[in-house]
PDB file of N, CA and C in Angstrom:
ATOM      1  N   UNK A   1      52.625  -2.535 231.312  1.00  0.00           N
ATOM      2  CA  UNK A   1      51.645  -1.591 231.747  1.00  0.00           C
ATOM      3  C   UNK A   1      52.358  -0.268 232.035  1.00  0.00           C
ATOM      4  N   UNK A   2      51.990   0.801 231.366  1.00  0.00           N
ATOM      5  CA  UNK A   2      52.675   2.076 231.575  1.00  0.00           C
ATOM      6  C   UNK A   2      52.319   2.688 232.931  1.00  0.00           C
ATOM      7  N   UNK A   3      53.297   3.382 233.483  1.00  0.00           N
ATOM      8  CA  UNK A   3      53.088   4.060 234.763  1.00  0.00           C
ATOM      9  C   UNK A   3      52.366   5.375 234.522  1.00  0.00           C
ATOM     10  N   UNK A   4      51.498   5.774 235.446  1.00  0.00           N
ATOM     11  CA  UNK A   4      50.812   7.050 235.263  1.00  0.00           C
ATOM     12  C   UNK A   4      51.791   8.219 235.409  1.00  0.00           C
ATOM     13  N   UNK A   5      51.619   9.230 234.600  1.00  0.00           N
ATOM     14  CA  UNK A   5      52.490  10.403 234.667  1.00  0.00           C
ATOM     15  C   UNK A   5      51.740  11.560 235.297  1.00  0.00           C
ATOM     16  N   UNK A   6      52.492  12.447 235.912  1.00  0.00           N
ATOM     17  CA  UNK A   6      51.913  13.624 236.541  1.00  0.00           C
ATOM     18  C   UNK A   6      52.088  14.802 235.596  1.00  0.00           C
ATOM     19  N   UNK A   7      51.078  15.600 235.413  1.00  0.00           N
ATOM     20  CA  UNK A   7      51.219  16.764 234.535  1.00  0.00           C
ATOM     21  C   UNK A   7      52.140  17.806 235.168  1.00  0.00           C
ATOM     22  N   UNK A   8      52.912  18.493 234.337  1.00  0.00           N
ATOM     23  CA  UNK A   8      53.820  19.530 234.839  1.00  0.00           C
ATOM     24  C   UNK A   8      53.043  20.813 235.062  1.00  0.00           C
ATOM     25  N   UNK A   9      53.317  21.456 236.163  1.00  0.00           N
ATOM     26  CA  UNK A   9      52.668  22.744 236.421  1.00  0.00           C
ATOM     27  C   UNK A   9      53.601  23.860 235.946  1.00  0.00           C
ATOM     28  N   UNK A  10      53.051  24.880 235.346  1.00  0.00           N
ATOM     29  CA  UNK A  10      53.875  25.959 234.824  1.00  0.00           C
ATOM     30  C   UNK A  10      54.045  27.105 235.815  1.00  0.00           C
ATOM     31  N   UNK A  11      53.315  27.123 236.881  1.00  0.00           N
ATOM     32  CA  UNK A  11      53.375  28.211 237.851  1.00  0.00           C
ATOM     33  C   UNK A  11      54.222  27.850 239.054  1.00  0.00           C
ATOM     34  N   UNK A  12      54.383  28.831 239.957  1.00  0.00           N
ATOM     35  CA  UNK A  12      55.131  28.545 241.187  1.00  0.00           C
ATOM     36  C   UNK A  12      54.339  27.619 242.104  1.00  0.00           C
ATOM     37  N   UNK A  13      55.010  26.991 243.050  1.00  0.00           N
ATOM     38  CA  UNK A  13      54.303  26.120 243.981  1.00  0.00           C
ATOM     39  C   UNK A  13      53.281  26.890 244.797  1.00  0.00           C
ATOM     40  N   UNK A  14      52.380  26.175 245.431  1.00  0.00           N
ATOM     41  CA  UNK A  14      51.279  26.791 246.175  1.00  0.00           C
ATOM     42  C   UNK A  14      51.771  27.640 247.340  1.00  0.00           C
ATOM     43  N   UNK A  15      52.972  27.343 247.875  1.00  0.00           N
ATOM     44  CA  UNK A  15      53.502  28.092 249.003  1.00  0.00           C
ATOM     45  C   UNK A  15      53.886  29.516 248.656  1.00  0.00           C
ATOM     46  N   UNK A  16      54.119  29.819 247.403  1.00  0.00           N
ATOM     47  CA  UNK A  16      54.458  31.181 247.001  1.00  0.00           C
ATOM     48  C   UNK A  16      55.909  31.329 246.585  1.00  0.00           C
ATOM     49  N   UNK A  17      56.856  30.948 247.412  1.00  0.00           N
ATOM     50  CA  UNK A  17      58.278  31.098 247.103  1.00  0.00           C
ATOM     51  C   UNK A  17      58.769  29.828 246.436  1.00  0.00           C
ATOM     52  N   UNK A  18      59.316  29.966 245.221  1.00  0.00           N
ATOM     53  CA  UNK A  18      59.796  28.803 244.488  1.00  0.00           C
ATOM     54  C   UNK A  18      61.203  28.402 244.904  1.00  0.00           C
ATOM     55  N   UNK A  19      62.142  29.354 244.802  1.00  0.00           N
ATOM     56  CA  UNK A  19      63.546  29.067 245.099  1.00  0.00           C
ATOM     57  C   UNK A  19      64.077  30.199 245.964  1.00  0.00           C
ATOM     58  N   UNK A  20      64.805  29.830 246.995  1.00  0.00           N
ATOM     59  CA  UNK A  20      65.451  30.866 247.810  1.00  0.00           C
ATOM     60  C   UNK A  20      66.925  30.502 247.969  1.00  0.00           C
ATOM     61  N   UNK A  21      67.780  31.507 247.779  1.00  0.00           N
ATOM     62  CA  UNK A  21      69.215  31.315 247.910  1.00  0.00           C
ATOM     63  C   UNK A  21      69.672  31.737 249.295  1.00  0.00           C
ATOM     64  N   UNK A  22      70.669  31.057 249.856  1.00  0.00           N
ATOM     65  CA  UNK A  22      71.241  31.559 251.110  1.00  0.00           C
ATOM     66  C   UNK A  22      71.976  32.876 250.832  1.00  0.00           C
ATOM     67  N   UNK A  23      72.182  33.675 251.855  1.00  0.00           N
ATOM     68  CA  UNK A  23      72.781  34.994 251.683  1.00  0.00           C
ATOM     69  C   UNK A  23      74.172  34.914 251.095  1.00  0.00           C
ATOM     70  N   UNK A  24      74.947  33.883 251.469  1.00  0.00           N
ATOM     71  CA  UNK A  24      76.326  33.793 250.999  1.00  0.00           C
ATOM     72  C   UNK A  24      76.412  33.392 249.532  1.00  0.00           C
ATOM     73  N   UNK A  25      75.365  32.828 248.967  1.00  0.00           N
ATOM     74  CA  UNK A  25      75.382  32.451 247.551  1.00  0.00           C
ATOM     75  C   UNK A  25      75.370  33.692 246.664  1.00  0.00           C
ATOM     76  N   UNK A  26      74.933  34.808 247.203  1.00  0.00           N
ATOM     77  CA  UNK A  26      74.960  36.068 246.462  1.00  0.00           C
ATOM     78  C   UNK A  26      76.135  36.923 246.908  1.00  0.00           C
ATOM     79  N   UNK A  27      76.439  36.895 248.201  1.00  0.00           N
ATOM     80  CA  UNK A  27      77.474  37.770 248.743  1.00  0.00           C
ATOM     81  C   UNK A  27      78.879  37.360 248.311  1.00  0.00           C
ATOM     82  N   UNK A  28      79.191  36.079 248.319  1.00  0.00           N
ATOM     83  CA  UNK A  28      80.547  35.660 247.982  1.00  0.00           C
ATOM     84  C   UNK A  28      80.940  35.985 246.547  1.00  0.00           C
ATOM     85  N   UNK A  29      80.120  35.690 245.545  1.00  0.00           N
ATOM     86  CA  UNK A  29      80.508  36.104 244.192  1.00  0.00           C
ATOM     87  C   UNK A  29      80.615  37.619 244.044  1.00  0.00           C
ATOM     88  N   UNK A  30      79.771  38.365 244.745  1.00  0.00           N
ATOM     89  CA  UNK A  30      79.849  39.828 244.674  1.00  0.00           C
ATOM     90  C   UNK A  30      81.148  40.334 245.279  1.00  0.00           C
ATOM     91  N   UNK A  31      81.552  39.774 246.404  1.00  0.00           N
ATOM     92  CA  UNK A  31      82.813  40.165 247.040  1.00  0.00           C
ATOM     93  C   UNK A  31      83.997  39.783 246.154  1.00  0.00           C
ATOM     94  N   UNK A  32      83.976  38.570 245.594  1.00  0.00           N
ATOM     95  CA  UNK A  32      85.065  38.132 244.724  1.00  0.00           C
ATOM     96  C   UNK A  32      85.168  39.034 243.496  1.00  0.00           C
ATOM     97  N   UNK A  33      84.038  39.392 242.903  1.00  0.00           N
ATOM     98  CA  UNK A  33      84.044  40.280 241.745  1.00  0.00           C
ATOM     99  C   UNK A  33      84.628  41.633 242.106  1.00  0.00           C
ATOM    100  N   UNK A  34      84.250  42.168 243.255  1.00  0.00           N
ATOM    101  CA  UNK A  34      84.751  43.475 243.691  1.00  0.00           C
ATOM    102  C   UNK A  34      86.259  43.438 243.914  1.00  0.00           C
ATOM    103  N   UNK A  35      86.741  42.380 244.547  1.00  0.00           N
ATOM    104  CA  UNK A  35      88.183  42.262 244.800  1.00  0.00           C
ATOM    105  C   UNK A  35      88.946  42.156 243.485  1.00  0.00           C
ATOM    106  N   UNK A  36      88.479  41.325 242.562  1.00  0.00           N
ATOM    107  CA  UNK A  36      89.174  41.186 241.289  1.00  0.00           C
ATOM    108  C   UNK A  36      89.125  42.469 240.474  1.00  0.00           C
ATOM    109  N   UNK A  37      88.008  43.159 240.485  1.00  0.00           N
ATOM    110  CA  UNK A  37      87.901  44.421 239.772  1.00  0.00           C
ATOM    111  C   UNK A  37      88.853  45.449 240.360  1.00  0.00           C
ATOM    112  N   UNK A  38      88.971  45.492 241.675  1.00  0.00           N
ATOM    113  CA  UNK A  38      89.898  46.413 242.333  1.00  0.00           C
ATOM    114  C   UNK A  38      91.337  46.091 241.956  1.00  0.00           C
ATOM    115  N   UNK A  39      91.663  44.814 241.882  1.00  0.00           N
ATOM    116  CA  UNK A  39      93.022  44.422 241.507  1.00  0.00           C
ATOM    117  C   UNK A  39      93.330  44.809 240.062  1.00  0.00           C
ATOM    118  N   UNK A  40      92.352  44.720 239.195  1.00  0.00           N
ATOM    119  CA  UNK A  40      92.569  45.082 237.803  1.00  0.00           C
ATOM    120  C   UNK A  40      92.719  46.597 237.649  1.00  0.00           C
ATOM    121  N   UNK A  41      91.918  47.351 238.373  1.00  0.00           N
ATOM    122  CA  UNK A  41      91.927  48.801 238.223  1.00  0.00           C
ATOM    123  C   UNK A  41      93.120  49.475 238.888  1.00  0.00           C
ATOM    124  N   UNK A  42      93.755  48.838 239.854  1.00  0.00           N
ATOM    125  CA  UNK A  42      94.915  49.448 240.519  1.00  0.00           C
ATOM    126  C   UNK A  42      96.097  48.479 240.559  1.00  0.00           C
ATOM    127  N   UNK A  43      96.683  48.144 239.404  1.00  0.00           N
ATOM    128  CA  UNK A  43      97.812  47.212 239.403  1.00  0.00           C
ATOM    129  C   UNK A  43      99.108  47.855 239.891  1.00  0.00           C
ATOM    130  N   UNK A  44      99.175  49.179 239.995  1.00  0.00           N
ATOM    131  CA  UNK A  44     100.386  49.858 240.435  1.00  0.00           C
ATOM    132  C   UNK A  44     100.728  49.581 241.888  1.00  0.00           C
ATOM    133  N   UNK A  45      99.788  49.135 242.665  1.00  0.00           N
ATOM    134  CA  UNK A  45     100.039  48.873 244.073  1.00  0.00           C
ATOM    135  C   UNK A  45     100.538  47.462 244.332  1.00  0.00           C
ATOM    136  N   UNK A  46     100.636  46.650 243.289  1.00  0.00           N
ATOM    137  CA  UNK A  46     101.107  45.275 243.467  1.00  0.00           C
ATOM    138  C   UNK A  46     102.633  45.283 243.607  1.00  0.00           C
ATOM    139  N   UNK A  47     103.136  44.480 244.508  1.00  0.00           N
ATOM    140  CA  UNK A  47     104.574  44.392 244.740  1.00  0.00           C
ATOM    141  C   UNK A  47     105.006  42.944 244.578  1.00  0.00           C
ATOM    142  N   UNK A  48     106.205  42.769 244.056  1.00  0.00           N
ATOM    143  CA  UNK A  48     106.739  41.425 243.881  1.00  0.00           C
ATOM    144  C   UNK A  48     107.173  40.868 245.232  1.00  0.00           C
ATOM    145  N   UNK A  49     107.082  39.561 245.370  1.00  0.00           N
ATOM    146  CA  UNK A  49     107.524  38.912 246.600  1.00  0.00           C
ATOM    147  C   UNK A  49     109.046  38.966 246.672  1.00  0.00           C
ATOM    148  N   UNK A  50     109.579  39.184 247.879  1.00  0.00           N
ATOM    149  CA  UNK A  50     111.026  39.359 248.008  1.00  0.00           C
ATOM    150  C   UNK A  50     111.708  38.181 248.675  1.00  0.00           C
ATOM    151  N   UNK A  51     111.005  37.195 249.113  1.00  0.00           N
ATOM    152  CA  UNK A  51     111.626  36.056 249.770  1.00  0.00           C
ATOM    153  C   UNK A  51     111.701  34.862 248.837  1.00  0.00           C
ATOM    154  N   UNK A  52     112.011  33.718 249.412  1.00  0.00           N
ATOM    155  CA  UNK A  52     111.995  32.489 248.626  1.00  0.00           C
ATOM    156  C   UNK A  52     110.556  32.176 248.244  1.00  0.00           C
ATOM    157  N   UNK A  53     110.359  31.605 247.075  1.00  0.00           N
ATOM    158  CA  UNK A  53     108.981  31.308 246.666  1.00  0.00           C
ATOM    159  C   UNK A  53     108.332  30.283 247.593  1.00  0.00           C
ATOM    160  N   UNK A  54     107.238  30.659 248.177  1.00  0.00           N
ATOM    161  CA  UNK A  54     106.548  29.818 249.148  1.00  0.00           C
ATOM    162  C   UNK A  54     105.959  28.593 248.468  1.00  0.00           C
ATOM    163  N   UNK A  55     105.430  28.778 247.257  1.00  0.00           N
ATOM    164  CA  UNK A  55     104.835  27.653 246.541  1.00  0.00           C
ATOM    165  C   UNK A  55     105.877  26.581 246.244  1.00  0.00           C
ATOM    166  N   UNK A  56     107.065  26.983 245.864  1.00  0.00           N
ATOM    167  CA  UNK A  56     108.142  26.027 245.610  1.00  0.00           C
ATOM    168  C   UNK A  56     108.531  25.256 246.855  1.00  0.00           C
ATOM    169  N   UNK A  57     108.582  25.963 247.980  1.00  0.00           N
ATOM    170  CA  UNK A  57     108.912  25.304 249.244  1.00  0.00           C
ATOM    171  C   UNK A  57     107.826  24.313 249.641  1.00  0.00           C
ATOM    172  N   UNK A  58     106.582  24.682 249.405  1.00  0.00           N
ATOM    173  CA  UNK A  58     105.466  23.801 249.744  1.00  0.00           C
ATOM    174  C   UNK A  58     105.508  22.528 248.901  1.00  0.00           C
ATOM    175  N   UNK A  59     105.746  22.677 247.615  1.00  0.00           N
ATOM    176  CA  UNK A  59     105.821  21.501 246.732  1.00  0.00           C
ATOM    177  C   UNK A  59     106.997  20.618 247.115  1.00  0.00           C
ATOM    178  N   UNK A  60     108.139  21.239 247.389  1.00  0.00           N
ATOM    179  CA  UNK A  60     109.322  20.462 247.782  1.00  0.00           C
ATOM    180  C   UNK A  60     109.069  19.705 249.085  1.00  0.00           C
ATOM    181  N   UNK A  61     108.450  20.351 250.045  1.00  0.00           N
ATOM    182  CA  UNK A  61     108.146  19.701 251.329  1.00  0.00           C
ATOM    183  C   UNK A  61     107.156  18.560 251.150  1.00  0.00           C
ATOM    184  N   UNK A  62     106.153  18.763 250.304  1.00  0.00           N
ATOM    185  CA  UNK A  62     105.166  17.725 250.043  1.00  0.00           C
ATOM    186  C   UNK A  62     105.802  16.521 249.378  1.00  0.00           C
ATOM    187  N   UNK A  63     106.676  16.764 248.422  1.00  0.00           N
ATOM    188  CA  UNK A  63     107.360  15.654 247.751  1.00  0.00           C
ATOM    189  C   UNK A  63     108.267  14.888 248.719  1.00  0.00           C
ATOM    190  N   UNK A  64     108.922  15.598 249.609  1.00  0.00           N
ATOM    191  CA  UNK A  64     109.766  14.935 250.607  1.00  0.00           C
ATOM    192  C   UNK A  64     108.926  14.055 251.525  1.00  0.00           C
ATOM    193  N   UNK A  65     107.742  14.512 251.896  1.00  0.00           N
ATOM    194  CA  UNK A  65     106.882  13.712 252.756  1.00  0.00           C
ATOM    195  C   UNK A  65     106.332  12.489 252.031  1.00  0.00           C
ATOM    196  N   UNK A  66     106.025  12.648 250.742  1.00  0.00           N
ATOM    197  CA  UNK A  66     105.460  11.534 249.990  1.00  0.00           C
ATOM    198  C   UNK A  66     106.469  10.439 249.678  1.00  0.00           C
ATOM    199  N   UNK A  67     107.690  10.833 249.387  1.00  0.00           N
ATOM    200  CA  UNK A  67     108.686   9.853 248.948  1.00  0.00           C
ATOM    201  C   UNK A  67     109.729   9.584 250.001  1.00  0.00           C
ATOM    202  N   UNK A  68     109.358   9.610 251.234  1.00  0.00           N
ATOM    203  CA  UNK A  68     110.249   9.300 252.343  1.00  0.00           C
ATOM    204  C   UNK A  68     110.501   7.829 252.462  1.00  0.00           C
TER     205      UNK A  68
END
Protein backbone atom coordinates (compact mmCIF):
# COMPACT_ATOMS: atom_id res chain seq x y z
CA UNK A 1 0.00 0.00 0.00
CA UNK A 2 1.66 3.26 -1.06
CA UNK A 3 2.10 6.05 1.46
CA UNK A 4 0.33 9.33 0.75
CA UNK A 5 2.62 12.08 -0.53
CA UNK A 6 2.43 15.77 0.25
CA UNK A 7 2.49 18.21 -2.65
CA UNK A 8 5.49 20.56 -2.77
CA UNK A 9 4.76 24.23 -2.35
CA UNK A 10 6.66 26.61 -4.60
CA UNK A 11 6.26 29.72 -2.45
CA UNK A 12 7.71 30.81 0.87
CA UNK A 13 6.20 29.49 4.09
CA UNK A 14 3.14 31.20 5.53
CA UNK A 15 5.26 32.98 8.17
CA UNK A 16 6.93 35.16 5.53
CA UNK A 17 10.65 34.59 6.21
CA UNK A 18 12.00 31.42 4.61
CA UNK A 19 15.66 31.35 5.66
CA UNK A 20 17.57 33.61 7.99
CA UNK A 21 21.33 33.55 8.51
CA UNK A 22 23.04 34.48 11.76
CA UNK A 23 25.08 37.68 11.55
CA UNK A 24 28.42 35.86 11.77
CA UNK A 25 27.60 33.67 8.74
CA UNK A 26 27.92 36.81 6.62
CA UNK A 27 30.46 38.77 8.66
CA UNK A 28 33.18 36.13 8.99
CA UNK A 29 33.59 35.40 5.27
CA UNK A 30 33.54 39.14 4.57
CA UNK A 31 36.27 39.78 7.15
CA UNK A 32 38.35 36.85 5.86
CA UNK A 33 38.02 38.11 2.28
CA UNK A 34 39.07 41.62 3.31
CA UNK A 35 42.12 40.34 5.21
CA UNK A 36 43.25 38.12 2.34
CA UNK A 37 42.71 40.89 -0.21
CA UNK A 38 44.76 43.27 1.94
CA UNK A 39 47.56 40.72 2.18
CA UNK A 40 47.60 40.27 -1.58
CA UNK A 41 47.57 44.00 -2.33
CA UNK A 42 50.38 44.90 0.09
CA UNK A 43 52.95 42.06 0.10
CA UNK A 44 55.82 44.51 0.70
CA UNK A 45 54.95 44.74 4.37
CA UNK A 46 55.44 41.02 4.98
CA UNK A 47 58.55 40.10 6.94
CA UNK A 48 60.25 36.75 7.29
CA UNK A 49 60.31 35.10 10.70
CA UNK A 50 63.68 35.47 12.41
CA UNK A 51 63.52 32.81 15.11
CA UNK A 52 63.38 29.05 15.10
CA UNK A 53 60.41 27.75 13.14
CA UNK A 54 57.52 27.43 15.56
CA UNK A 55 55.73 24.83 13.45
CA UNK A 56 58.78 22.57 13.52
CA UNK A 57 59.05 22.89 17.28
CA UNK A 58 55.36 22.09 17.68
CA UNK A 59 55.61 18.96 15.53
CA UNK A 60 58.76 17.82 17.33
CA UNK A 61 57.12 18.34 20.74
CA UNK A 62 53.98 16.49 19.65
CA UNK A 63 56.00 13.54 18.39
CA UNK A 64 57.95 13.41 21.65
CA UNK A 65 54.70 13.30 23.61
CA UNK A 66 53.20 10.60 21.40
CA UNK A 67 56.18 8.26 21.37
CA UNK A 68 57.28 8.56 24.97
